[in-house]
Amino acid sequence: QVQLVESGGGSVQAGGSLRLSCAASGYTYSRYCMGWFRQAPGKEREGVAAIGSDGSTRIAVSVKGRFTISRDNAENTLYLQMNSLKPEDTAMYFCAASSSPGVGSWSLNQNWYNYWGQGTQVTVSS
């Protein structure tokens, strides 16, 4: 069955960096659009970044210029490089897979995604 397993979260001071990974299995990874989402306590889940099967990307305005999404289709792994972290980036981060391969304005909408990981916590202190 489909499995998405996130790793790489942790605690960091403001201005620091973290790299999240998401290991995927159980489906043809290269054909799926992949996304990163986050949810802070008391807030709705929001889309952070998405990457299509062709490598095209969509980045949320709130993290543009600081976060980079990438994928390694040979290793079935998704990455989120997070630089210049801010306390407001504190959240549980989830990776997700969509059976539709393309990226567009819909790609940061959680309803577009079929499969979800369990999440990894990121905490940024000031």
PDB file of N, CA and C in Angstrom:
ATOM      1  N   GLN A   1       0.835  -1.192   0.000  1.00  0.00           N
ATOM      2  CA  GLN A   1       0.000   0.000   0.000  1.00  0.00           C
ATOM      3  C   GLN A   1       0.872   1.245   0.000  1.00  0.00           C
ATOM      4  N   VAL A   2       0.263   2.388  -0.249  1.00  0.00           N
ATOM      5  CA  VAL A   2       1.005   3.641  -0.294  1.00  0.00           C
ATOM      6  C   VAL A   2       1.477   4.017   1.105  1.00  0.00           C
ATOM      7  N   GLN A   3       2.758   4.366   1.169  1.00  0.00           N
ATOM      8  CA  GLN A   3       3.321   4.855   2.431  1.00  0.00           C
ATOM      9  C   GLN A   3       4.131   6.109   2.174  1.00  0.00           C
ATOM     10  N   LEU A   4       3.934   7.095   3.010  1.00  0.00           N
ATOM     11  CA  LEU A   4       4.724   8.320   2.985  1.00  0.00           C
ATOM     12  C   LEU A   4       5.254   8.532   4.397  1.00  0.00           C
ATOM     13  N   VAL A   5       6.574   8.615   4.520  1.00  0.00           N
ATOM     14  CA  VAL A   5       7.185   8.731   5.842  1.00  0.00           C
ATOM     15  C   VAL A   5       8.093   9.949   5.859  1.00  0.00           C
ATOM     16  N   GLU A   6       7.716  10.935   6.667  1.00  0.00           N
ATOM     17  CA  GLU A   6       8.498  12.152   6.778  1.00  0.00           C
ATOM     18  C   GLU A   6       9.581  12.009   7.842  1.00  0.00           C
ATOM     19  N   SER A   7      10.656  12.770   7.650  1.00  0.00           N
ATOM     20  CA  SER A   7      11.727  12.841   8.644  1.00  0.00           C
ATOM     21  C   SER A   7      12.439  14.172   8.496  1.00  0.00           C
ATOM     22  N   GLY A   8      13.282  14.489   9.476  1.00  0.00           N
ATOM     23  CA  GLY A   8      14.097  15.687   9.382  1.00  0.00           C
ATOM     24  C   GLY A   8      13.618  16.862  10.210  1.00  0.00           C
ATOM     25  N   GLY A   9      12.460  16.726  10.836  1.00  0.00           N
ATOM     26  CA  GLY A   9      11.987  17.815  11.683  1.00  0.00           C
ATOM     27  C   GLY A   9      12.827  17.954  12.934  1.00  0.00           C
ATOM     28  N   GLY A  10      12.584  19.020  13.686  1.00  0.00           N
ATOM     29  CA  GLY A  10      13.315  19.241  14.918  1.00  0.00           C
ATOM     30  C   GLY A  10      13.125  20.653  15.404  1.00  0.00           C
ATOM     31  N   SER A  11      13.970  21.018  16.352  1.00  0.00           N
ATOM     32  CA  SER A  11      13.925  22.356  16.929  1.00  0.00           C
ATOM     33  C   SER A  11      15.131  23.145  16.455  1.00  0.00           C
ATOM     34  N   VAL A  12      14.899  24.393  16.089  1.00  0.00           N
ATOM     35  CA  VAL A  12      15.969  25.236  15.566  1.00  0.00           C
ATOM     36  C   VAL A  12      15.675  26.674  15.969  1.00  0.00           C
ATOM     37  N   GLN A  13      16.717  27.474  16.054  1.00  0.00           N
ATOM     38  CA  GLN A  13      16.535  28.889  16.349  1.00  0.00           C
ATOM     39  C   GLN A  13      16.183  29.649  15.071  1.00  0.00           C
ATOM     40  N   ALA A  14      15.526  30.775  15.258  1.00  0.00           N
ATOM     41  CA  ALA A  14      15.170  31.626  14.121  1.00  0.00           C
ATOM     42  C   ALA A  14      16.415  31.942  13.306  1.00  0.00           C
ATOM     43  N   GLY A  15      16.256  31.884  11.990  1.00  0.00           N
ATOM     44  CA  GLY A  15      17.370  32.104  11.088  1.00  0.00           C
ATOM     45  C   GLY A  15      18.068  30.825  10.675  1.00  0.00           C
ATOM     46  N   GLY A  16      17.751  29.728  11.346  1.00  0.00           N
ATOM     47  CA  GLY A  16      18.382  28.457  11.047  1.00  0.00           C
ATOM     48  C   GLY A  16      17.743  27.741   9.870  1.00  0.00           C
ATOM     49  N   SER A  17      18.233  26.525   9.614  1.00  0.00           N
ATOM     50  CA  SER A  17      17.772  25.738   8.468  1.00  0.00           C
ATOM     51  C   SER A  17      17.450  24.312   8.883  1.00  0.00           C
ATOM     52  N   LEU A  18      16.548  23.712   8.153  1.00  0.00           N
ATOM     53  CA  LEU A  18      16.234  22.299   8.290  1.00  0.00           C
ATOM     54  C   LEU A  18      15.926  21.749   6.906  1.00  0.00           C
ATOM     55  N   ARG A  19      16.166  20.461   6.744  1.00  0.00           N
ATOM     56  CA  ARG A  19      15.812  19.786   5.495  1.00  0.00           C
ATOM     57  C   ARG A  19      14.894  18.622   5.825  1.00  0.00           C
ATOM     58  N   LEU A  20      13.674  18.684   5.353  1.00  0.00           N
ATOM     59  CA  LEU A  20      12.730  17.607   5.546  1.00  0.00           C
ATOM     60  C   LEU A  20      12.812  16.627   4.389  1.00  0.00           C
ATOM     61  N   SER A  21      12.587  15.358   4.695  1.00  0.00           N
ATOM     62  CA  SER A  21      12.536  14.314   3.682  1.00  0.00           C
ATOM     63  C   SER A  21      11.227  13.556   3.802  1.00  0.00           C
ATOM     64  N   CYS A  22      10.800  12.998   2.686  1.00  0.00           N
ATOM     65  CA  CYS A  22       9.600  12.167   2.679  1.00  0.00           C
ATOM     66  C   CYS A  22       9.892  10.968   1.791  1.00  0.00           C
ATOM     67  N   ALA A  23       9.959   9.794   2.396  1.00  0.00           N
ATOM     68  CA  ALA A  23      10.202   8.565   1.661  1.00  0.00           C
ATOM     69  C   ALA A  23       8.879   7.960   1.228  1.00  0.00           C
ATOM     70  N   ALA A  24       8.745   7.711  -0.060  1.00  0.00           N
ATOM     71  CA  ALA A  24       7.489   7.218  -0.616  1.00  0.00           C
ATOM     72  C   ALA A  24       7.643   5.777  -1.090  1.00  0.00           C
ATOM     73  N   SER A  25       6.582   5.002  -0.945  1.00  0.00           N
ATOM     74  CA  SER A  25       6.586   3.628  -1.437  1.00  0.00           C
ATOM     75  C   SER A  25       5.159   3.186  -1.726  1.00  0.00           C
ATOM     76  N   GLY A  26       5.043   2.122  -2.526  1.00  0.00           N
ATOM     77  CA  GLY A  26       3.734   1.539  -2.781  1.00  0.00           C
ATOM     78  C   GLY A  26       3.003   2.085  -3.992  1.00  0.00           C
ATOM     79  N   TYR A  27       3.648   2.957  -4.777  1.00  0.00           N
ATOM     80  CA  TYR A  27       3.026   3.489  -5.982  1.00  0.00           C
ATOM     81  C   TYR A  27       4.120   4.013  -6.889  1.00  0.00           C
ATOM     82  N   THR A  28       3.732   4.417  -8.089  1.00  0.00           N
ATOM     83  CA  THR A  28       4.707   4.915  -9.066  1.00  0.00           C
ATOM     84  C   THR A  28       4.999   6.375  -8.747  1.00  0.00           C
ATOM     85  N   TYR A  29       5.960   6.565  -7.888  1.00  0.00           N
ATOM     86  CA  TYR A  29       6.259   7.883  -7.325  1.00  0.00           C
ATOM     87  C   TYR A  29       6.471   8.945  -8.396  1.00  0.00           C
ATOM     88  N   SER A  30       7.210   8.601  -9.430  1.00  0.00           N
ATOM     89  CA  SER A  30       7.608   9.599 -10.427  1.00  0.00           C
ATOM     90  C   SER A  30       6.416  10.201 -11.167  1.00  0.00           C
ATOM     91  N   ARG A  31       5.283   9.527 -11.146  1.00  0.00           N
ATOM     92  CA  ARG A  31       4.122   9.995 -11.911  1.00  0.00           C
ATOM     93  C   ARG A  31       3.201  10.893 -11.103  1.00  0.00           C
ATOM     94  N   TYR A  32       3.518  11.058  -9.823  1.00  0.00           N
ATOM     95  CA  TYR A  32       2.619  11.800  -8.944  1.00  0.00           C
ATOM     96  C   TYR A  32       3.153  13.198  -8.647  1.00  0.00           C
ATOM     97  N   CYS A  33       2.232  14.142  -8.536  1.00  0.00           N
ATOM     98  CA  CYS A  33       2.561  15.428  -7.948  1.00  0.00           C
ATOM     99  C   CYS A  33       2.716  15.229  -6.443  1.00  0.00           C
ATOM    100  N   MET A  34       3.724  15.863  -5.870  1.00  0.00           N
ATOM    101  CA  MET A  34       3.986  15.756  -4.445  1.00  0.00           C
ATOM    102  C   MET A  34       3.915  17.135  -3.798  1.00  0.00           C
ATOM    103  N   GLY A  35       3.459  17.158  -2.566  1.00  0.00           N
ATOM    104  CA  GLY A  35       3.324  18.442  -1.885  1.00  0.00           C
ATOM    105  C   GLY A  35       3.749  18.379  -0.429  1.00  0.00           C
ATOM    106  N   TRP A  36       4.092  19.543   0.085  1.00  0.00           N
ATOM    107  CA  TRP A  36       4.335  19.721   1.518  1.00  0.00           C
ATOM    108  C   TRP A  36       3.262  20.650   2.075  1.00  0.00           C
ATOM    109  N   PHE A  37       2.727  20.268   3.203  1.00  0.00           N
ATOM    110  CA  PHE A  37       1.728  21.052   3.904  1.00  0.00           C
ATOM    111  C   PHE A  37       2.170  21.213   5.353  1.00  0.00           C
ATOM    112  N   ARG A  38       1.582  22.182   6.033  1.00  0.00           N
ATOM    113  CA  ARG A  38       1.873  22.336   7.440  1.00  0.00           C
ATOM    114  C   ARG A  38       0.620  22.756   8.196  1.00  0.00           C
ATOM    115  N   GLN A  39       0.623  22.405   9.468  1.00  0.00           N
ATOM    116  CA  GLN A  39      -0.504  22.766  10.323  1.00  0.00           C
ATOM    117  C   GLN A  39       0.012  23.149  11.703  1.00  0.00           C
ATOM    118  N   ALA A  40      -0.258  24.384  12.078  1.00  0.00           N
ATOM    119  CA  ALA A  40       0.097  24.867  13.411  1.00  0.00           C
ATOM    120  C   ALA A  40      -1.099  24.656  14.339  1.00  0.00           C
ATOM    121  N   PRO A  41      -0.864  24.562  15.632  1.00  0.00           N
ATOM    122  CA  PRO A  41      -1.959  24.363  16.586  1.00  0.00           C
ATOM    123  C   PRO A  41      -3.032  25.433  16.438  1.00  0.00           C
ATOM    124  N   GLY A  42      -4.280  24.990  16.322  1.00  0.00           N
ATOM    125  CA  GLY A  42      -5.393  25.919  16.225  1.00  0.00           C
ATOM    126  C   GLY A  42      -5.586  26.541  14.860  1.00  0.00           C
ATOM    127  N   LYS A  43      -4.779  26.120  13.885  1.00  0.00           N
ATOM    128  CA  LYS A  43      -4.888  26.693  12.542  1.00  0.00           C
ATOM    129  C   LYS A  43      -5.212  25.611  11.528  1.00  0.00           C
ATOM    130  N   GLU A  44      -5.683  26.040  10.372  1.00  0.00           N
ATOM    131  CA  GLU A  44      -5.966  25.099   9.303  1.00  0.00           C
ATOM    132  C   GLU A  44      -4.678  24.656   8.618  1.00  0.00           C
ATOM    133  N   ARG A  45      -4.748  23.482   8.014  1.00  0.00           N
ATOM    134  CA  ARG A  45      -3.600  22.999   7.249  1.00  0.00           C
ATOM    135  C   ARG A  45      -3.426  23.875   6.020  1.00  0.00           C
ATOM    136  N   GLU A  46      -2.188  24.253   5.732  1.00  0.00           N
ATOM    137  CA  GLU A  46      -1.922  25.105   4.582  1.00  0.00           C
ATOM    138  C   GLU A  46      -0.855  24.495   3.682  1.00  0.00           C
ATOM    139  N   GLY A  47      -1.004  24.740   2.396  1.00  0.00           N
ATOM    140  CA  GLY A  47      -0.024  24.259   1.441  1.00  0.00           C
ATOM    141  C   GLY A  47       1.233  25.101   1.479  1.00  0.00           C
ATOM    142  N   VAL A  48       2.369  24.453   1.445  1.00  0.00           N
ATOM    143  CA  VAL A  48       3.663  25.139   1.495  1.00  0.00           C
ATOM    144  C   VAL A  48       4.331  25.110   0.122  1.00  0.00           C
ATOM    145  N   ALA A  49       4.389  23.935  -0.472  1.00  0.00           N
ATOM    146  CA  ALA A  49       5.070  23.801  -1.758  1.00  0.00           C
ATOM    147  C   ALA A  49       4.598  22.527  -2.440  1.00  0.00           C
ATOM    148  N   ALA A  50       4.666  22.533  -3.758  1.00  0.00           N
ATOM    149  CA  ALA A  50       4.305  21.351  -4.537  1.00  0.00           C
ATOM    150  C   ALA A  50       5.270  21.211  -5.702  1.00  0.00           C
ATOM    151  N   ILE A  51       5.446  19.955  -6.151  1.00  0.00           N
ATOM    152  CA  ILE A  51       6.317  19.702  -7.290  1.00  0.00           C
ATOM    153  C   ILE A  51       5.663  18.648  -8.165  1.00  0.00           C
ATOM    154  N   GLY A  52       5.585  18.925  -9.450  1.00  0.00           N
ATOM    155  CA  GLY A  52       4.940  18.009 -10.364  1.00  0.00           C
ATOM    156  C   GLY A  52       5.873  16.901 -10.822  1.00  0.00           C
ATOM    157  N   SER A  53       5.304  15.986 -11.591  1.00  0.00           N
ATOM    158  CA  SER A  53       6.106  14.877 -12.102  1.00  0.00           C
ATOM    159  C   SER A  53       7.192  15.374 -13.052  1.00  0.00           C
ATOM    160  N   ASP A  54       6.994  16.553 -13.641  1.00  0.00           N
ATOM    161  CA  ASP A  54       7.991  17.111 -14.564  1.00  0.00           C
ATOM    162  C   ASP A  54       8.978  18.038 -13.869  1.00  0.00           C
ATOM    163  N   GLY A  55       8.861  18.172 -12.541  1.00  0.00           N
ATOM    164  CA  GLY A  55       9.787  19.006 -11.783  1.00  0.00           C
ATOM    165  C   GLY A  55       9.343  20.450 -11.614  1.00  0.00           C
ATOM    166  N   SER A  56       8.244  20.824 -12.230  1.00  0.00           N
ATOM    167  CA  SER A  56       7.759  22.194 -12.041  1.00  0.00           C
ATOM    168  C   SER A  56       7.250  22.351 -10.607  1.00  0.00           C
ATOM    169  N   THR A  57       7.343  23.563 -10.089  1.00  0.00           N
ATOM    170  CA  THR A  57       7.046  23.768  -8.675  1.00  0.00           C
ATOM    171  C   THR A  57       6.037  24.893  -8.456  1.00  0.00           C
ATOM    172  N   ARG A  58       5.453  24.865  -7.289  1.00  0.00           N
ATOM    173  CA  ARG A  58       4.550  25.905  -6.815  1.00  0.00           C
ATOM    174  C   ARG A  58       4.902  26.147  -5.353  1.00  0.00           C
ATOM    175  N   ILE A  59       5.173  27.399  -4.999  1.00  0.00           N
ATOM    176  CA  ILE A  59       5.609  27.731  -3.655  1.00  0.00           C
ATOM    177  C   ILE A  59       4.657  28.755  -3.054  1.00  0.00           C
ATOM    178  N   ALA A  60       4.293  28.568  -1.810  1.00  0.00           N
ATOM    179  CA  ALA A  60       3.428  29.528  -1.127  1.00  0.00           C
ATOM    180  C   ALA A  60       4.160  30.855  -0.948  1.00  0.00           C
ATOM    181  N   VAL A  61       3.415  31.939  -1.023  1.00  0.00           N
ATOM    182  CA  VAL A  61       3.991  33.269  -0.888  1.00  0.00           C
ATOM    183  C   VAL A  61       4.707  33.422   0.453  1.00  0.00           C
ATOM    184  N   SER A  62       4.150  32.826   1.486  1.00  0.00           N
ATOM    185  CA  SER A  62       4.695  32.978   2.837  1.00  0.00           C
ATOM    186  C   SER A  62       6.099  32.392   2.995  1.00  0.00           C
ATOM    187  N   VAL A  63       6.488  31.496   2.102  1.00  0.00           N
ATOM    188  CA  VAL A  63       7.804  30.853   2.230  1.00  0.00           C
ATOM    189  C   VAL A  63       8.675  31.050   1.004  1.00  0.00           C
ATOM    190  N   LYS A  64       8.175  31.768   0.019  1.00  0.00           N
ATOM    191  CA  LYS A  64       8.929  31.954  -1.225  1.00  0.00           C
ATOM    192  C   LYS A  64      10.244  32.664  -0.939  1.00  0.00           C
ATOM    193  N   GLY A  65      11.305  32.151  -1.541  1.00  0.00           N
ATOM    194  CA  GLY A  65      12.623  32.707  -1.319  1.00  0.00           C
ATOM    195  C   GLY A  65      13.345  32.096  -0.129  1.00  0.00           C
ATOM    196  N   ARG A  66      12.622  31.336   0.699  1.00  0.00           N
ATOM    197  CA  ARG A  66      13.231  30.693   1.866  1.00  0.00           C
ATOM    198  C   ARG A  66      13.170  29.172   1.777  1.00  0.00           C
ATOM    199  N   PHE A  67      12.106  28.630   1.215  1.00  0.00           N
ATOM    200  CA  PHE A  67      11.914  27.178   1.125  1.00  0.00           C
ATOM    201  C   PHE A  67      12.081  26.733  -0.331  1.00  0.00           C
ATOM    202  N   THR A  68      12.646  25.543  -0.498  1.00  0.00           N
ATOM    203  CA  THR A  68      12.809  24.941  -1.818  1.00  0.00           C
ATOM    204  C   THR A  68      12.326  23.500  -1.771  1.00  0.00           C
ATOM    205  N   ILE A  69      11.488  23.133  -2.714  1.00  0.00           N
ATOM    206  CA  ILE A  69      11.015  21.760  -2.811  1.00  0.00           C
ATOM    207  C   ILE A  69      11.769  21.068  -3.946  1.00  0.00           C
ATOM    208  N   SER A  70      12.108  19.806  -3.732  1.00  0.00           N
ATOM    209  CA  SER A  70      12.777  19.031  -4.775  1.00  0.00           C
ATOM    210  C   SER A  70      12.395  17.569  -4.611  1.00  0.00           C
ATOM    211  N   ARG A  71      12.710  16.791  -5.639  1.00  0.00           N
ATOM    212  CA  ARG A  71      12.384  15.369  -5.588  1.00  0.00           C
ATOM    213  C   ARG A  71      13.484  14.567  -6.248  1.00  0.00           C
ATOM    214  N   ASP A  72      13.673  13.358  -5.759  1.00  0.00           N
ATOM    215  CA  ASP A  72      14.614  12.408  -6.334  1.00  0.00           C
ATOM    216  C   ASP A  72      13.798  11.195  -6.750  1.00  0.00           C
ATOM    217  N   ASN A  73      13.520  11.089  -8.032  1.00  0.00           N
ATOM    218  CA  ASN A  73      12.669   9.998  -8.493  1.00  0.00           C
ATOM    219  C   ASN A  73      13.380   8.640  -8.434  1.00  0.00           C
ATOM    220  N   ALA A  74      14.683   8.647  -8.487  1.00  0.00           N
ATOM    221  CA  ALA A  74      15.430   7.382  -8.383  1.00  0.00           C
ATOM    222  C   ALA A  74      15.338   6.814  -6.965  1.00  0.00           C
ATOM    223  N   GLU A  75      15.248   7.707  -5.981  1.00  0.00           N
ATOM    224  CA  GLU A  75      15.180   7.280  -4.579  1.00  0.00           C
ATOM    225  C   GLU A  75      13.772   7.365  -4.003  1.00  0.00           C
ATOM    226  N   ASN A  76      12.799   7.749  -4.823  1.00  0.00           N
ATOM    227  CA  ASN A  76      11.418   7.906  -4.355  1.00  0.00           C
ATOM    228  C   ASN A  76      11.335   8.787  -3.110  1.00  0.00           C
ATOM    229  N   THR A  77      12.029   9.903  -3.165  1.00  0.00           N
ATOM    230  CA  THR A  77      12.105  10.769  -1.994  1.00  0.00           C
ATOM    231  C   THR A  77      11.808  12.219  -2.370  1.00  0.00           C
ATOM    232  N   LEU A  78      11.070  12.861  -1.499  1.00  0.00           N
ATOM    233  CA  LEU A  78      10.711  14.269  -1.631  1.00  0.00           C
ATOM    234  C   LEU A  78      11.459  15.053  -0.556  1.00  0.00           C
ATOM    235  N   TYR A  79      11.872  16.270  -0.898  1.00  0.00           N
ATOM    236  CA  TYR A  79      12.615  17.091   0.053  1.00  0.00           C
ATOM    237  C   TYR A  79      11.975  18.470   0.187  1.00  0.00           C
ATOM    238  N   LEU A  80      12.209  19.068   1.352  1.00  0.00           N
ATOM    239  CA  LEU A  80      11.866  20.473   1.561  1.00  0.00           C
ATOM    240  C   LEU A  80      13.037  21.110   2.307  1.00  0.00           C
ATOM    241  N   GLN A  81      13.786  21.934   1.600  1.00  0.00           N
ATOM    242  CA  GLN A  81      14.876  22.678   2.226  1.00  0.00           C
ATOM    243  C   GLN A  81      14.308  23.975   2.768  1.00  0.00           C
ATOM    244  N   MET A  82      14.465  24.180   4.064  1.00  0.00           N
ATOM    245  CA  MET A  82      13.898  25.354   4.731  1.00  0.00           C
ATOM    246  C   MET A  82      15.031  26.190   5.308  1.00  0.00           C
ATOM    247  N   ASN A  83      15.180  27.388   4.794  1.00  0.00           N
ATOM    248  CA  ASN A  83      16.210  28.312   5.259  1.00  0.00           C
ATOM    249  C   ASN A  83      15.561  29.535   5.886  1.00  0.00           C
ATOM    250  N   SER A  84      16.355  30.284   6.627  1.00  0.00           N
ATOM    251  CA  SER A  84      15.881  31.525   7.254  1.00  0.00           C
ATOM    252  C   SER A  84      14.568  31.288   7.984  1.00  0.00           C
ATOM    253  N   LEU A  85      14.542  30.257   8.787  1.00  0.00           N
ATOM    254  CA  LEU A  85      13.315  29.885   9.467  1.00  0.00           C
ATOM    255  C   LEU A  85      12.874  30.946  10.464  1.00  0.00           C
ATOM    256  N   LYS A  86      11.564  31.075  10.585  1.00  0.00           N
ATOM    257  CA  LYS A  86      10.956  32.063  11.479  1.00  0.00           C
ATOM    258  C   LYS A  86      10.071  31.331  12.500  1.00  0.00           C
ATOM    259  N   PRO A  87       9.819  31.942  13.643  1.00  0.00           N
ATOM    260  CA  PRO A  87       8.931  31.294  14.620  1.00  0.00           C
ATOM    261  C   PRO A  87       7.565  30.934  14.027  1.00  0.00           C
ATOM    262  N   GLU A  88       7.091  31.721  13.091  1.00  0.00           N
ATOM    263  CA  GLU A  88       5.785  31.434  12.485  1.00  0.00           C
ATOM    264  C   GLU A  88       5.814  30.227  11.552  1.00  0.00           C
ATOM    265  N   ASP A  89       6.981  29.673  11.301  1.00  0.00           N
ATOM    266  CA  ASP A  89       7.085  28.432  10.529  1.00  0.00           C
ATOM    267  C   ASP A  89       6.856  27.200  11.411  1.00  0.00           C
ATOM    268  N   THR A  90       6.739  27.405  12.706  1.00  0.00           N
ATOM    269  CA  THR A  90       6.508  26.301  13.625  1.00  0.00           C
ATOM    270  C   THR A  90       5.187  25.616  13.307  1.00  0.00           C
ATOM    271  N   ALA A  91       5.250  24.309  13.069  1.00  0.00           N
ATOM    272  CA  ALA A  91       4.061  23.541  12.682  1.00  0.00           C
ATOM    273  C   ALA A  91       4.435  22.072  12.532  1.00  0.00           C
ATOM    274  N   MET A  92       3.414  21.249  12.385  1.00  0.00           N
ATOM    275  CA  MET A  92       3.616  19.881  11.924  1.00  0.00           C
ATOM    276  C   MET A  92       3.623  19.931  10.406  1.00  0.00           C
ATOM    277  N   TYR A  93       4.644  19.319   9.819  1.00  0.00           N
ATOM    278  CA  TYR A  93       4.780  19.325   8.364  1.00  0.00           C
ATOM    279  C   TYR A  93       4.443  17.945   7.818  1.00  0.00           C
ATOM    280  N   PHE A  94       3.614  17.943   6.773  1.00  0.00           N
ATOM    281  CA  PHE A  94       3.155  16.705   6.163  1.00  0.00           C
ATOM    282  C   PHE A  94       3.536  16.675   4.687  1.00  0.00           C
ATOM    283  N   CYS A  95       3.900  15.498   4.188  1.00  0.00           N
ATOM    284  CA  CYS A  95       4.012  15.360   2.746  1.00  0.00           C
ATOM    285  C   CYS A  95       2.766  14.641   2.241  1.00  0.00           C
ATOM    286  N   ALA A  96       2.455  14.881   0.976  1.00  0.00           N
ATOM    287  CA  ALA A  96       1.247  14.327   0.386  1.00  0.00           C
ATOM    288  C   ALA A  96       1.498  14.012  -1.078  1.00  0.00           C
ATOM    289  N   ALA A  97       0.734  13.068  -1.598  1.00  0.00           N
ATOM    290  CA  ALA A  97       0.862  12.646  -2.989  1.00  0.00           C
ATOM    291  C   ALA A  97      -0.480  12.782  -3.703  1.00  0.00           C
ATOM    292  N   SER A  98      -0.422  13.322  -4.914  1.00  0.00           N
ATOM    293  CA  SER A  98      -1.611  13.460  -5.743  1.00  0.00           C
ATOM    294  C   SER A  98      -1.438  12.641  -7.014  1.00  0.00           C
ATOM    295  N   SER A  99      -2.455  11.863  -7.374  1.00  0.00           N
ATOM    296  CA  SER A  99      -2.364  11.041  -8.578  1.00  0.00           C
ATOM    297  C   SER A  99      -2.400  11.865  -9.855  1.00  0.00           C
ATOM    298  N   SER A 100      -2.714  13.148  -9.752  1.00  0.00           N
ATOM    299  CA  SER A 100      -2.627  14.039 -10.913  1.00  0.00           C
ATOM    300  C   SER A 100      -1.218  14.600 -10.975  1.00  0.00           C
ATOM    301  N   PRO A 101      -0.521  14.435 -12.104  1.00  0.00           N
ATOM    302  CA  PRO A 101       0.914  14.745 -12.135  1.00  0.00           C
ATOM    303  C   PRO A 101       1.267  16.231 -12.205  1.00  0.00           C
ATOM    304  N   GLY A 102       0.346  17.063 -12.675  1.00  0.00           N
ATOM    305  CA  GLY A 102       0.689  18.447 -12.951  1.00  0.00           C
ATOM    306  C   GLY A 102       0.654  19.349 -11.740  1.00  0.00           C
ATOM    307  N   VAL A 103       1.205  20.543 -11.920  1.00  0.00           N
ATOM    308  CA  VAL A 103       1.235  21.573 -10.885  1.00  0.00           C
ATOM    309  C   VAL A 103       0.516  22.804 -11.408  1.00  0.00           C
ATOM    310  N   GLY A 104      -0.280  23.401 -10.564  1.00  0.00           N
ATOM    311  CA  GLY A 104      -0.979  24.625 -10.929  1.00  0.00           C
ATOM    312  C   GLY A 104      -1.470  25.317  -9.686  1.00  0.00           C
ATOM    313  N   SER A 105      -2.383  26.242  -9.856  1.00  0.00           N
ATOM    314  CA  SER A 105      -2.882  27.015  -8.719  1.00  0.00           C
ATOM    315  C   SER A 105      -3.587  26.127  -7.689  1.00  0.00           C
ATOM    316  N   TRP A 106      -4.036  24.946  -8.105  1.00  0.00           N
ATOM    317  CA  TRP A 106      -4.720  24.019  -7.212  1.00  0.00           C
ATOM    318  C   TRP A 106      -3.759  23.217  -6.333  1.00  0.00           C
ATOM    319  N   SER A 107      -2.477  23.261  -6.653  1.00  0.00           N
ATOM    320  CA  SER A 107      -1.514  22.320  -6.062  1.00  0.00           C
ATOM    321  C   SER A 107      -1.247  22.558  -4.588  1.00  0.00           C
ATOM    322  N   LEU A 108      -1.642  23.704  -4.059  1.00  0.00           N
ATOM    323  CA  LEU A 108      -1.453  23.962  -2.641  1.00  0.00           C
ATOM    324  C   LEU A 108      -2.760  23.780  -1.868  1.00  0.00           C
ATOM    325  N   ASN A 109      -3.722  23.139  -2.517  1.00  0.00           N
ATOM    326  CA  ASN A 109      -5.003  22.834  -1.886  1.00  0.00           C
ATOM    327  C   ASN A 109      -4.974  21.392  -1.418  1.00  0.00           C
ATOM    328  N   GLN A 110      -5.171  21.141  -0.166  1.00  0.00           N
ATOM    329  CA  GLN A 110      -5.051  19.788   0.377  1.00  0.00           C
ATOM    330  C   GLN A 110      -6.063  18.822  -0.239  1.00  0.00           C
ATOM    331  N   ASN A 111      -7.160  19.331  -0.755  1.00  0.00           N
ATOM    332  CA  ASN A 111      -8.184  18.457  -1.336  1.00  0.00           C
ATOM    333  C   ASN A 111      -7.722  17.790  -2.633  1.00  0.00           C
ATOM    334  N   TRP A 112      -6.598  18.266  -3.161  1.00  0.00           N
ATOM    335  CA  TRP A 112      -6.078  17.730  -4.409  1.00  0.00           C
ATOM    336  C   TRP A 112      -5.309  16.435  -4.200  1.00  0.00           C
ATOM    337  N   TYR A 113      -5.023  16.093  -2.933  1.00  0.00           N
ATOM    338  CA  TYR A 113      -4.084  15.015  -2.628  1.00  0.00           C
ATOM    339  C   TYR A 113      -4.786  13.770  -2.098  1.00  0.00           C
ATOM    340  N   ASN A 114      -4.252  12.615  -2.548  1.00  0.00           N
ATOM    341  CA  ASN A 114      -4.869  11.335  -2.218  1.00  0.00           C
ATOM    342  C   ASN A 114      -4.261  10.667  -0.990  1.00  0.00           C
ATOM    343  N   TYR A 115      -2.953  10.883  -0.794  1.00  0.00           N
ATOM    344  CA  TYR A 115      -2.239  10.157   0.255  1.00  0.00           C
ATOM    345  C   TYR A 115      -1.448  11.125   1.112  1.00  0.00           C
ATOM    346  N   TRP A 116      -1.340  10.781   2.397  1.00  0.00           N
ATOM    347  CA  TRP A 116      -0.689  11.656   3.361  1.00  0.00           C
ATOM    348  C   TRP A 116       0.235  10.867   4.281  1.00  0.00           C
ATOM    349  N   GLY A 117       1.314  11.539   4.680  1.00  0.00           N
ATOM    350  CA  GLY A 117       2.175  10.981   5.711  1.00  0.00           C
ATOM    351  C   GLY A 117       1.673  11.370   7.086  1.00  0.00           C
ATOM    352  N   GLN A 118       2.408  10.919   8.116  1.00  0.00           N
ATOM    353  CA  GLN A 118       2.007  11.172   9.497  1.00  0.00           C
ATOM    354  C   GLN A 118       2.517  12.512  10.025  1.00  0.00           C
ATOM    355  N   GLY A 119       3.486  13.081   9.361  1.00  0.00           N
ATOM    356  CA  GLY A 119       3.978  14.391   9.753  1.00  0.00           C
ATOM    357  C   GLY A 119       5.261  14.357  10.558  1.00  0.00           C
ATOM    358  N   THR A 120       5.973  15.476  10.519  1.00  0.00           N
ATOM    359  CA  THR A 120       7.177  15.676  11.316  1.00  0.00           C
ATOM    360  C   THR A 120       7.120  17.095  11.886  1.00  0.00           C
ATOM    361  N   GLN A 121       7.454  17.225  13.158  1.00  0.00           N
ATOM    362  CA  GLN A 121       7.300  18.513  13.845  1.00  0.00           C
ATOM    363  C   GLN A 121       8.508  19.411  13.602  1.00  0.00           C
ATOM    364  N   VAL A 122       8.222  20.658  13.299  1.00  0.00           N
ATOM    365  CA  VAL A 122       9.249  21.688  13.171  1.00  0.00           C
ATOM    366  C   VAL A 122       8.925  22.786  14.181  1.00  0.00           C
ATOM    367  N   THR A 123       9.903  23.098  15.027  1.00  0.00           N
ATOM    368  CA  THR A 123       9.721  24.141  16.030  1.00  0.00           C
ATOM    369  C   THR A 123      10.844  25.157  15.885  1.00  0.00           C
ATOM    370  N   VAL A 124      10.477  26.409  15.698  1.00  0.00           N
ATOM    371  CA  VAL A 124      11.449  27.480  15.524  1.00  0.00           C
ATOM    372  C   VAL A 124      11.299  28.457  16.688  1.00  0.00           C
ATOM    373  N   SER A 125      12.373  28.625  17.421  1.00  0.00           N
ATOM    374  CA  SER A 125      12.347  29.513  18.584  1.00  0.00           C
ATOM    375  C   SER A 125      12.998  30.851  18.241  1.00  0.00           C
ATOM    376  N   SER A 126      12.520  31.893  18.900  1.00  0.00           N
ATOM    377  CA  SER A 126      13.033  33.238  18.622  1.00  0.00           C
ATOM    378  C   SER A 126      14.236  33.565  19.491  1.00  0.00           C
TER     379      SER A 126
END
